[in-house]
């Protein structure tokens, strides 16, 4: 599977059935070539003029299933949320 294939899939958290968005980036181990995590841009906020303030960094171990059009994850959003560098 290519990175471009991942970017067309919607990420859904099976804990609360919440749609997190689409894969925006991935994190690889450069030495082994293994996928470490997927990064999903968080929701935009109106007060920040639709600038994304958060992103979800979801470790590979939390990915439960990759289907033809969705990726199911089981993740605690408080632990997976990081502030974006502005």
PDB file of N, CA and C in Angstrom:
ATOM      1  N   UNK A   1       0.845  -1.177   0.000  1.00  0.00           N
ATOM      2  CA  UNK A   1       0.000   0.000   0.000  1.00  0.00           C
ATOM      3  C   UNK A   1       0.894   1.244   0.000  1.00  0.00           C
ATOM      4  N   UNK A   2       0.498   2.223  -0.756  1.00  0.00           N
ATOM      5  CA  UNK A   2       1.263   3.467  -0.858  1.00  0.00           C
ATOM      6  C   UNK A   2       0.706   4.522   0.105  1.00  0.00           C
ATOM      7  N   UNK A   3       1.539   5.514   0.398  1.00  0.00           N
ATOM      8  CA  UNK A   3       1.101   6.608   1.268  1.00  0.00           C
ATOM      9  C   UNK A   3      -0.073   7.338   0.634  1.00  0.00           C
ATOM     10  N   UNK A   4      -0.059   7.504  -0.666  1.00  0.00           N
ATOM     11  CA  UNK A   4      -1.167   8.193  -1.345  1.00  0.00           C
ATOM     12  C   UNK A   4      -2.471   7.417  -1.180  1.00  0.00           C
ATOM     13  N   UNK A   5      -2.398   6.091  -1.059  1.00  0.00           N
ATOM     14  CA  UNK A   5      -3.598   5.283  -0.805  1.00  0.00           C
ATOM     15  C   UNK A   5      -4.144   5.555   0.595  1.00  0.00           C
ATOM     16  N   UNK A   6      -3.249   5.718   1.566  1.00  0.00           N
ATOM     17  CA  UNK A   6      -3.685   6.003   2.938  1.00  0.00           C
ATOM     18  C   UNK A   6      -4.379   7.357   3.034  1.00  0.00           C
ATOM     19  N   UNK A   7      -3.902   8.335   2.259  1.00  0.00           N
ATOM     20  CA  UNK A   7      -4.443   9.690   2.352  1.00  0.00           C
ATOM     21  C   UNK A   7      -5.876   9.795   1.833  1.00  0.00           C
ATOM     22  N   UNK A   8      -6.359   8.793   1.123  1.00  0.00           N
ATOM     23  CA  UNK A   8      -7.738   8.818   0.625  1.00  0.00           C
ATOM     24  C   UNK A   8      -8.702   8.120   1.577  1.00  0.00           C
ATOM     25  N   UNK A   9      -8.205   7.607   2.686  1.00  0.00           N
ATOM     26  CA  UNK A   9      -9.043   6.858   3.626  1.00  0.00           C
ATOM     27  C   UNK A   9      -9.423   7.722   4.829  1.00  0.00           C
ATOM     28  N   UNK A  10     -10.679   7.595   5.230  1.00  0.00           N
ATOM     29  CA  UNK A  10     -11.172   8.320   6.399  1.00  0.00           C
ATOM     30  C   UNK A  10     -10.864   7.509   7.655  1.00  0.00           C
ATOM     31  N   UNK A  11     -10.451   8.186   8.716  1.00  0.00           N
ATOM     32  CA  UNK A  11     -10.098   7.537   9.977  1.00  0.00           C
ATOM     33  C   UNK A  11     -11.272   7.668  10.944  1.00  0.00           C
ATOM     34  N   UNK A  12     -11.699   6.525  11.497  1.00  0.00           N
ATOM     35  CA  UNK A  12     -12.831   6.496  12.430  1.00  0.00           C
ATOM     36  C   UNK A  12     -12.376   5.812  13.712  1.00  0.00           C
ATOM     37  N   UNK A  13     -12.679   6.459  14.846  1.00  0.00           N
ATOM     38  CA  UNK A  13     -12.342   5.917  16.155  1.00  0.00           C
ATOM     39  C   UNK A  13     -13.456   4.984  16.600  1.00  0.00           C
ATOM     40  N   UNK A  14     -13.143   3.717  16.862  1.00  0.00           N
ATOM     41  CA  UNK A  14     -14.180   2.762  17.238  1.00  0.00           C
ATOM     42  C   UNK A  14     -14.623   2.923  18.694  1.00  0.00           C
ATOM     43  N   UNK A  15     -13.871   3.691  19.498  1.00  0.00           N
ATOM     44  CA  UNK A  15     -14.267   3.922  20.894  1.00  0.00           C
ATOM     45  C   UNK A  15     -15.572   4.712  20.976  1.00  0.00           C
ATOM     46  N   UNK A  16     -15.674   5.763  20.157  1.00  0.00           N
ATOM     47  CA  UNK A  16     -16.856   6.629  20.206  1.00  0.00           C
ATOM     48  C   UNK A  16     -17.502   6.828  18.830  1.00  0.00           C
ATOM     49  N   UNK A  17     -17.055   6.062  17.848  1.00  0.00           N
ATOM     50  CA  UNK A  17     -17.572   6.142  16.465  1.00  0.00           C
ATOM     51  C   UNK A  17     -17.429   7.539  15.865  1.00  0.00           C
ATOM     52  N   UNK A  18     -16.439   8.277  16.297  1.00  0.00           N
ATOM     53  CA  UNK A  18     -16.206   9.626  15.814  1.00  0.00           C
ATOM     54  C   UNK A  18     -15.334   9.610  14.564  1.00  0.00           C
ATOM     55  N   UNK A  19     -15.725  10.413  13.585  1.00  0.00           N
ATOM     56  CA  UNK A  19     -14.909  10.590  12.387  1.00  0.00           C
ATOM     57  C   UNK A  19     -13.801  11.576  12.714  1.00  0.00           C
ATOM     58  N   UNK A  20     -12.566  11.145  12.568  1.00  0.00           N
ATOM     59  CA  UNK A  20     -11.436  12.001  12.904  1.00  0.00           C
ATOM     60  C   UNK A  20     -10.958  12.808  11.705  1.00  0.00           C
ATOM     61  N   UNK A  21     -11.211  12.314  10.514  1.00  0.00           N
ATOM     62  CA  UNK A  21     -10.773  13.003   9.306  1.00  0.00           C
ATOM     63  C   UNK A  21      -9.999  12.042   8.413  1.00  0.00           C
ATOM     64  N   UNK A  22      -9.251  12.612   7.500  1.00  0.00           N
ATOM     65  CA  UNK A  22      -8.457  11.826   6.558  1.00  0.00           C
ATOM     66  C   UNK A  22      -6.983  11.885   6.932  1.00  0.00           C
ATOM     67  N   UNK A  23      -6.254  10.844   6.596  1.00  0.00           N
ATOM     68  CA  UNK A  23      -4.818  10.791   6.882  1.00  0.00           C
ATOM     69  C   UNK A  23      -4.127  11.950   6.179  1.00  0.00           C
ATOM     70  N   UNK A  24      -3.393  12.731   6.940  1.00  0.00           N
ATOM     71  CA  UNK A  24      -2.679  13.869   6.375  1.00  0.00           C
ATOM     72  C   UNK A  24      -1.208  13.585   6.167  1.00  0.00           C
ATOM     73  N   UNK A  25      -0.654  12.718   7.028  1.00  0.00           N
ATOM     74  CA  UNK A  25       0.776  12.417   6.950  1.00  0.00           C
ATOM     75  C   UNK A  25       1.015  11.101   7.669  1.00  0.00           C
ATOM     76  N   UNK A  26       2.193  10.561   7.506  1.00  0.00           N
ATOM     77  CA  UNK A  26       2.582   9.330   8.185  1.00  0.00           C
ATOM     78  C   UNK A  26       3.979   9.520   8.776  1.00  0.00           C
ATOM     79  N   UNK A  27       4.281   8.720   9.782  1.00  0.00           N
ATOM     80  CA  UNK A  27       5.589   8.770  10.435  1.00  0.00           C
ATOM     81  C   UNK A  27       6.226   7.394  10.283  1.00  0.00           C
ATOM     82  N   UNK A  28       7.407   7.357   9.657  1.00  0.00           N
ATOM     83  CA  UNK A  28       8.124   6.111   9.411  1.00  0.00           C
ATOM     84  C   UNK A  28       9.413   6.072  10.203  1.00  0.00           C
ATOM     85  N   UNK A  29       9.860   4.854  10.529  1.00  0.00           N
ATOM     86  CA  UNK A  29      11.206   4.640  11.040  1.00  0.00           C
ATOM     87  C   UNK A  29      12.099   4.546   9.809  1.00  0.00           C
ATOM     88  N   UNK A  30      13.007   5.476   9.653  1.00  0.00           N
ATOM     89  CA  UNK A  30      13.840   5.549   8.451  1.00  0.00           C
ATOM     90  C   UNK A  30      14.764   4.343   8.292  1.00  0.00           C
ATOM     91  N   UNK A  31      15.195   3.745   9.391  1.00  0.00           N
ATOM     92  CA  UNK A  31      16.109   2.605   9.295  1.00  0.00           C
ATOM     93  C   UNK A  31      15.395   1.321   8.895  1.00  0.00           C
ATOM     94  N   UNK A  32      14.241   1.058   9.516  1.00  0.00           N
ATOM     95  CA  UNK A  32      13.546  -0.204   9.251  1.00  0.00           C
ATOM     96  C   UNK A  32      12.481  -0.081   8.164  1.00  0.00           C
ATOM     97  N   UNK A  33      12.017   1.152   7.920  1.00  0.00           N
ATOM     98  CA  UNK A  33      10.950   1.346   6.938  1.00  0.00           C
ATOM     99  C   UNK A  33       9.572   1.035   7.484  1.00  0.00           C
ATOM    100  N   UNK A  34       9.461   0.815   8.794  1.00  0.00           N
ATOM    101  CA  UNK A  34       8.180   0.478   9.416  1.00  0.00           C
ATOM    102  C   UNK A  34       7.362   1.736   9.696  1.00  0.00           C
ATOM    103  N   UNK A  35       6.060   1.597   9.548  1.00  0.00           N
ATOM    104  CA  UNK A  35       5.135   2.683   9.844  1.00  0.00           C
ATOM    105  C   UNK A  35       5.001   2.816  11.356  1.00  0.00           C
ATOM    106  N   UNK A  36       5.264   4.003  11.887  1.00  0.00           N
ATOM    107  CA  UNK A  36       5.159   4.241  13.325  1.00  0.00           C
ATOM    108  C   UNK A  36       3.803   4.801  13.710  1.00  0.00           C
ATOM    109  N   UNK A  37       3.292   5.748  12.917  1.00  0.00           N
ATOM    110  CA  UNK A  37       2.002   6.362  13.242  1.00  0.00           C
ATOM    111  C   UNK A  37       1.428   7.049  12.011  1.00  0.00           C
ATOM    112  N   UNK A  38       0.120   7.295  12.087  1.00  0.00           N
ATOM    113  CA  UNK A  38      -0.537   8.116  11.077  1.00  0.00           C
ATOM    114  C   UNK A  38      -0.918   9.426  11.745  1.00  0.00           C
ATOM    115  N   UNK A  39      -0.915  10.489  10.978  1.00  0.00           N
ATOM    116  CA  UNK A  39      -1.230  11.821  11.511  1.00  0.00           C
ATOM    117  C   UNK A  39      -2.454  12.341  10.776  1.00  0.00           C
ATOM    118  N   UNK A  40      -3.483  12.697  11.568  1.00  0.00           N
ATOM    119  CA  UNK A  40      -4.738  13.187  11.024  1.00  0.00           C
ATOM    120  C   UNK A  40      -4.913  14.634  11.481  1.00  0.00           C
ATOM    121  N   UNK A  41      -5.036  15.580  10.548  1.00  0.00           N
ATOM    122  CA  UNK A  41      -5.272  16.974  10.951  1.00  0.00           C
ATOM    123  C   UNK A  41      -6.563  17.082  11.762  1.00  0.00           C
ATOM    124  N   UNK A  42      -6.521  17.845  12.831  1.00  0.00           N
ATOM    125  CA  UNK A  42      -7.697  18.026  13.667  1.00  0.00           C
ATOM    126  C   UNK A  42      -8.676  18.993  13.034  1.00  0.00           C
ATOM    127  N   UNK A  43      -9.803  19.200  13.707  1.00  0.00           N
ATOM    128  CA  UNK A  43     -10.810  20.122  13.176  1.00  0.00           C
ATOM    129  C   UNK A  43     -10.315  21.566  13.190  1.00  0.00           C
ATOM    130  N   UNK A  44     -10.737  22.348  12.222  1.00  0.00           N
ATOM    131  CA  UNK A  44     -10.420  23.776  12.198  1.00  0.00           C
ATOM    132  C   UNK A  44     -11.274  24.499  13.214  1.00  0.00           C
ATOM    133  N   UNK A  45     -10.805  25.630  13.675  1.00  0.00           N
ATOM    134  CA  UNK A  45     -11.610  26.402  14.617  1.00  0.00           C
ATOM    135  C   UNK A  45     -11.896  27.775  14.016  1.00  0.00           C
ATOM    136  N   UNK A  46     -13.052  28.284  14.309  1.00  0.00           N
ATOM    137  CA  UNK A  46     -13.483  29.546  13.732  1.00  0.00           C
ATOM    138  C   UNK A  46     -12.716  30.727  14.316  1.00  0.00           C
ATOM    139  N   UNK A  47     -12.448  30.684  15.625  1.00  0.00           N
ATOM    140  CA  UNK A  47     -11.764  31.812  16.262  1.00  0.00           C
ATOM    141  C   UNK A  47     -10.333  31.953  15.764  1.00  0.00           C
ATOM    142  N   UNK A  48      -9.757  30.857  15.292  1.00  0.00           N
ATOM    143  CA  UNK A  48      -8.408  30.904  14.747  1.00  0.00           C
ATOM    144  C   UNK A  48      -8.426  31.058  13.237  1.00  0.00           C
ATOM    145  N   UNK A  49      -9.556  31.548  12.694  1.00  0.00           N
ATOM    146  CA  UNK A  49      -9.717  31.758  11.258  1.00  0.00           C
ATOM    147  C   UNK A  49      -9.494  30.468  10.469  1.00  0.00           C
ATOM    148  N   UNK A  50     -10.142  29.397  10.956  1.00  0.00           N
ATOM    149  CA  UNK A  50     -10.108  28.084  10.319  1.00  0.00           C
ATOM    150  C   UNK A  50      -8.707  27.486  10.222  1.00  0.00           C
ATOM    151  N   UNK A  51      -7.850  27.865  11.127  1.00  0.00           N
ATOM    152  CA  UNK A  51      -6.522  27.281  11.217  1.00  0.00           C
ATOM    153  C   UNK A  51      -6.601  26.088  12.156  1.00  0.00           C
ATOM    154  N   UNK A  52      -5.977  25.022  11.789  1.00  0.00           N
ATOM    155  CA  UNK A  52      -5.998  23.825  12.636  1.00  0.00           C
ATOM    156  C   UNK A  52      -5.043  24.015  13.808  1.00  0.00           C
ATOM    157  N   UNK A  53      -5.574  23.818  15.013  1.00  0.00           N
ATOM    158  CA  UNK A  53      -4.761  23.981  16.207  1.00  0.00           C
ATOM    159  C   UNK A  53      -4.240  22.657  16.735  1.00  0.00           C
ATOM    160  N   UNK A  54      -4.884  21.553  16.335  1.00  0.00           N
ATOM    161  CA  UNK A  54      -4.509  20.242  16.853  1.00  0.00           C
ATOM    162  C   UNK A  54      -4.367  19.259  15.704  1.00  0.00           C
ATOM    163  N   UNK A  55      -3.687  18.182  15.988  1.00  0.00           N
ATOM    164  CA  UNK A  55      -3.646  17.062  15.065  1.00  0.00           C
ATOM    165  C   UNK A  55      -3.636  15.790  15.905  1.00  0.00           C
ATOM    166  N   UNK A  56      -4.132  14.716  15.328  1.00  0.00           N
ATOM    167  CA  UNK A  56      -4.162  13.424  16.004  1.00  0.00           C
ATOM    168  C   UNK A  56      -2.994  12.587  15.497  1.00  0.00           C
ATOM    169  N   UNK A  57      -2.103  12.206  16.403  1.00  0.00           N
ATOM    170  CA  UNK A  57      -0.998  11.313  16.070  1.00  0.00           C
ATOM    171  C   UNK A  57      -1.384   9.942  16.613  1.00  0.00           C
ATOM    172  N   UNK A  58      -1.694   9.037  15.705  1.00  0.00           N
ATOM    173  CA  UNK A  58      -2.236   7.734  16.085  1.00  0.00           C
ATOM    174  C   UNK A  58      -1.165   6.669  15.859  1.00  0.00           C
ATOM    175  N   UNK A  59      -0.669   6.049  16.937  1.00  0.00           N
ATOM    176  CA  UNK A  59       0.369   5.022  16.799  1.00  0.00           C
ATOM    177  C   UNK A  59      -0.135   3.820  15.993  1.00  0.00           C
ATOM    178  N   UNK A  60       0.786   3.159  15.323  1.00  0.00           N
ATOM    179  CA  UNK A  60       0.443   2.001  14.499  1.00  0.00           C
ATOM    180  C   UNK A  60      -0.272   0.920  15.306  1.00  0.00           C
ATOM    181  N   UNK A  61       0.113   0.740  16.571  1.00  0.00           N
ATOM    182  CA  UNK A  61      -0.498  -0.305  17.403  1.00  0.00           C
ATOM    183  C   UNK A  61      -1.983  -0.044  17.679  1.00  0.00           C
ATOM    184  N   UNK A  62      -2.443   1.201  17.486  1.00  0.00           N
ATOM    185  CA  UNK A  62      -3.852   1.534  17.710  1.00  0.00           C
ATOM    186  C   UNK A  62      -4.706   1.392  16.453  1.00  0.00           C
ATOM    187  N   UNK A  63      -4.097   1.075  15.319  1.00  0.00           N
ATOM    188  CA  UNK A  63      -4.861   0.832  14.093  1.00  0.00           C
ATOM    189  C   UNK A  63      -5.410  -0.578  14.152  1.00  0.00           C
ATOM    190  N   UNK A  64      -6.738  -0.699  14.050  1.00  0.00           N
ATOM    191  CA  UNK A  64      -7.386  -2.002  14.156  1.00  0.00           C
ATOM    192  C   UNK A  64      -7.635  -2.652  12.803  1.00  0.00           C
ATOM    193  N   UNK A  65      -8.033  -1.867  11.816  1.00  0.00           N
ATOM    194  CA  UNK A  65      -8.318  -2.437  10.504  1.00  0.00           C
ATOM    195  C   UNK A  65      -8.217  -1.363   9.430  1.00  0.00           C
ATOM    196  N   UNK A  66      -7.667  -1.750   8.291  1.00  0.00           N
ATOM    197  CA  UNK A  66      -7.604  -0.864   7.134  1.00  0.00           C
ATOM    198  C   UNK A  66      -8.488  -1.479   6.064  1.00  0.00           C
ATOM    199  N   UNK A  67      -9.563  -0.752   5.726  1.00  0.00           N
ATOM    200  CA  UNK A  67     -10.485  -1.227   4.711  1.00  0.00           C
ATOM    201  C   UNK A  67     -10.272  -0.499   3.407  1.00  0.00           C
ATOM    202  N   UNK A  68     -11.163  -0.750   2.432  1.00  0.00           N
ATOM    203  CA  UNK A  68     -11.012  -0.107   1.127  1.00  0.00           C
ATOM    204  C   UNK A  68     -11.192   1.405   1.161  1.00  0.00           C
ATOM    205  N   UNK A  69     -11.969   1.920   2.129  1.00  0.00           N
ATOM    206  CA  UNK A  69     -12.186   3.367   2.178  1.00  0.00           C
ATOM    207  C   UNK A  69     -12.094   3.971   3.572  1.00  0.00           C
ATOM    208  N   UNK A  70     -11.905   3.156   4.618  1.00  0.00           N
ATOM    209  CA  UNK A  70     -11.774   3.682   5.978  1.00  0.00           C
ATOM    210  C   UNK A  70     -10.659   2.959   6.733  1.00  0.00           C
ATOM    211  N   UNK A  71     -10.179   3.629   7.766  1.00  0.00           N
ATOM    212  CA  UNK A  71      -9.224   3.043   8.704  1.00  0.00           C
ATOM    213  C   UNK A  71      -9.873   3.116  10.079  1.00  0.00           C
ATOM    214  N   UNK A  72     -10.031   1.954  10.725  1.00  0.00           N
ATOM    215  CA  UNK A  72     -10.604   1.908  12.064  1.00  0.00           C
ATOM    216  C   UNK A  72      -9.471   1.917  13.086  1.00  0.00           C
ATOM    217  N   UNK A  73      -9.592   2.831  14.060  1.00  0.00           N
ATOM    218  CA  UNK A  73      -8.580   2.944  15.115  1.00  0.00           C
ATOM    219  C   UNK A  73      -9.266   2.856  16.471  1.00  0.00           C
ATOM    220  N   UNK A  74      -8.526   2.425  17.468  1.00  0.00           N
ATOM    221  CA  UNK A  74      -9.005   2.375  18.842  1.00  0.00           C
ATOM    222  C   UNK A  74      -8.041   3.210  19.664  1.00  0.00           C
ATOM    223  N   UNK A  75      -8.377   4.489  19.835  1.00  0.00           N
ATOM    224  CA  UNK A  75      -7.413   5.412  20.428  1.00  0.00           C
ATOM    225  C   UNK A  75      -8.101   6.349  21.415  1.00  0.00           C
ATOM    226  N   UNK A  76      -7.361   6.687  22.486  1.00  0.00           N
ATOM    227  CA  UNK A  76      -7.800   7.706  23.435  1.00  0.00           C
ATOM    228  C   UNK A  76      -7.382   9.051  22.855  1.00  0.00           C
ATOM    229  N   UNK A  77      -8.353   9.874  22.476  1.00  0.00           N
ATOM    230  CA  UNK A  77      -8.050  11.125  21.781  1.00  0.00           C
ATOM    231  C   UNK A  77      -7.249  12.105  22.626  1.00  0.00           C
ATOM    232  N   UNK A  78      -7.380  12.039  23.949  1.00  0.00           N
ATOM    233  CA  UNK A  78      -6.595  12.935  24.810  1.00  0.00           C
ATOM    234  C   UNK A  78      -5.102  12.629  24.693  1.00  0.00           C
ATOM    235  N   UNK A  79      -4.745  11.360  24.525  1.00  0.00           N
ATOM    236  CA  UNK A  79      -3.342  10.984  24.401  1.00  0.00           C
ATOM    237  C   UNK A  79      -2.825  11.178  22.985  1.00  0.00           C
ATOM    238  N   UNK A  80      -3.725  11.113  21.998  1.00  0.00           N
ATOM    239  CA  UNK A  80      -3.308  11.186  20.595  1.00  0.00           C
ATOM    240  C   UNK A  80      -3.308  12.601  20.051  1.00  0.00           C
ATOM    241  N   UNK A  81      -3.786  13.586  20.817  1.00  0.00           N
ATOM    242  CA  UNK A  81      -3.885  14.950  20.337  1.00  0.00           C
ATOM    243  C   UNK A  81      -2.628  15.738  20.665  1.00  0.00           C
ATOM    244  N   UNK A  82      -2.098  16.417  19.661  1.00  0.00           N
ATOM    245  CA  UNK A  82      -0.938  17.285  19.858  1.00  0.00           C
ATOM    246  C   UNK A  82      -1.234  18.652  19.268  1.00  0.00           C
ATOM    247  N   UNK A  83      -0.661  19.671  19.871  1.00  0.00           N
ATOM    248  CA  UNK A  83      -0.803  21.025  19.313  1.00  0.00           C
ATOM    249  C   UNK A  83       0.091  21.167  18.099  1.00  0.00           C
ATOM    250  N   UNK A  84      -0.440  21.826  17.105  1.00  0.00           N
ATOM    251  CA  UNK A  84       0.347  22.086  15.902  1.00  0.00           C
ATOM    252  C   UNK A  84       1.304  23.241  16.164  1.00  0.00           C
ATOM    253  N   UNK A  85       2.454  23.182  15.582  1.00  0.00           N
ATOM    254  CA  UNK A  85       3.409  24.282  15.698  1.00  0.00           C
ATOM    255  C   UNK A  85       2.975  25.424  14.811  1.00  0.00           C
ATOM    256  N   UNK A  86       2.823  26.617  15.358  1.00  0.00           N
ATOM    257  CA  UNK A  86       2.366  27.775  14.597  1.00  0.00           C
ATOM    258  C   UNK A  86       3.528  28.694  14.361  1.00  0.00           C
TER     259      UNK A  86
END
